[in-house]
């Protein structure tokens, strides 16, 4: 009586003897350590686990044999090979490969399967070519001949499409070529796929890099152009605003001085002449100085001009604060001039009532 353990491989549950589990666990640890630094090692490990699950499933017989034994694990390891096979010298590697090839020819045969990596419709022709050792293009030509001359090519292709299974896993693809699904062939197949993908990946990366660089430069230039257009628009707006404020200030001052009556700023007529002129100048400076600062910033950004002198900037800052205070002061003074007070007095003669007349007679 042996103790068993339940394990899960490739989403398939197996009952395995404790001793066999320890051997299998050590085997899988060695494999993971060996392929840990390999590119996309998870894919190789998944393929190996899929193959081990397939071989264990073949050992299980419902009602007769439902537990994986130590002998089954040793048989799987013998078929799959060990990581020590990668560390032997070149001559030993060659002899080992011949040994595996002889085992494959004696105990492993090709499987007729559809090839998903080389297909036009369903991969039937490439699968037949791999099984019979022919290039897929010759098999396709034969099917075309059947289709045009005998008319049975389409029907035959449809039947084979239904009958032939699809080679999904790496073990299936190796079996389709007649290669033993062991560690060496798994690694060899994976490296061949990487070598075939490298030129395409390099070309794709180069094209993507060029496209990204072009798009980035185009977007950058478009953004700079848009920013320049906005900056020039703000620059023109600030200049026109300052010019308009100066013209308006001069016009209102001429109105205060009495040279014309069309332009008179509301409220200045209630102030003395000198106060009205000071109020107009202060109001103009309070509005114009912020626009002048924005104009200077736009000039620096667009034309890379020198920054404003520190004393000039401090003088403008002090002038703006003084102008704001003056505007508030003159606004309050103007409000006082418009302040009025009035009293309404109404006199009305009261009529004498009959009760009051009776009271006066009694007295």
Foldseek 3Di string as FASTA:
>chain_A
DFDWDWDAFPNDIAIEGPVLVVVVVVQLVQLCVVCVPPVPSVQLSNLLSVVLVVQVVVVDDPPPRRYHYNVSSVVSCVLQDGPVLVVDDPVVVVVVVVVQVVCLVVPAAAAQAAEPVDDDPQRNLVLVCLRVVHHSVVSVVVLVCCCPPVVCSVVVVVVSSVVHHHQDGPCNVCSSNSHRNHPVVSVVVVVVVCVVCVVVVVVVVVVVVVVVVVVVVVVVVVVVVVVLVVLVVLLVVLVVVLVVLVVLLVVCLCCLVPVDPPRHDPLLVLDPSVLSNLLSVLVSLLPNLVSVVSNQVSCCVNVVDDDDDPVVVVVSVVSNVVSVVSNVVSVVVSVVSPDDDDDDDDDDDDDDDPVNVVVVVVD
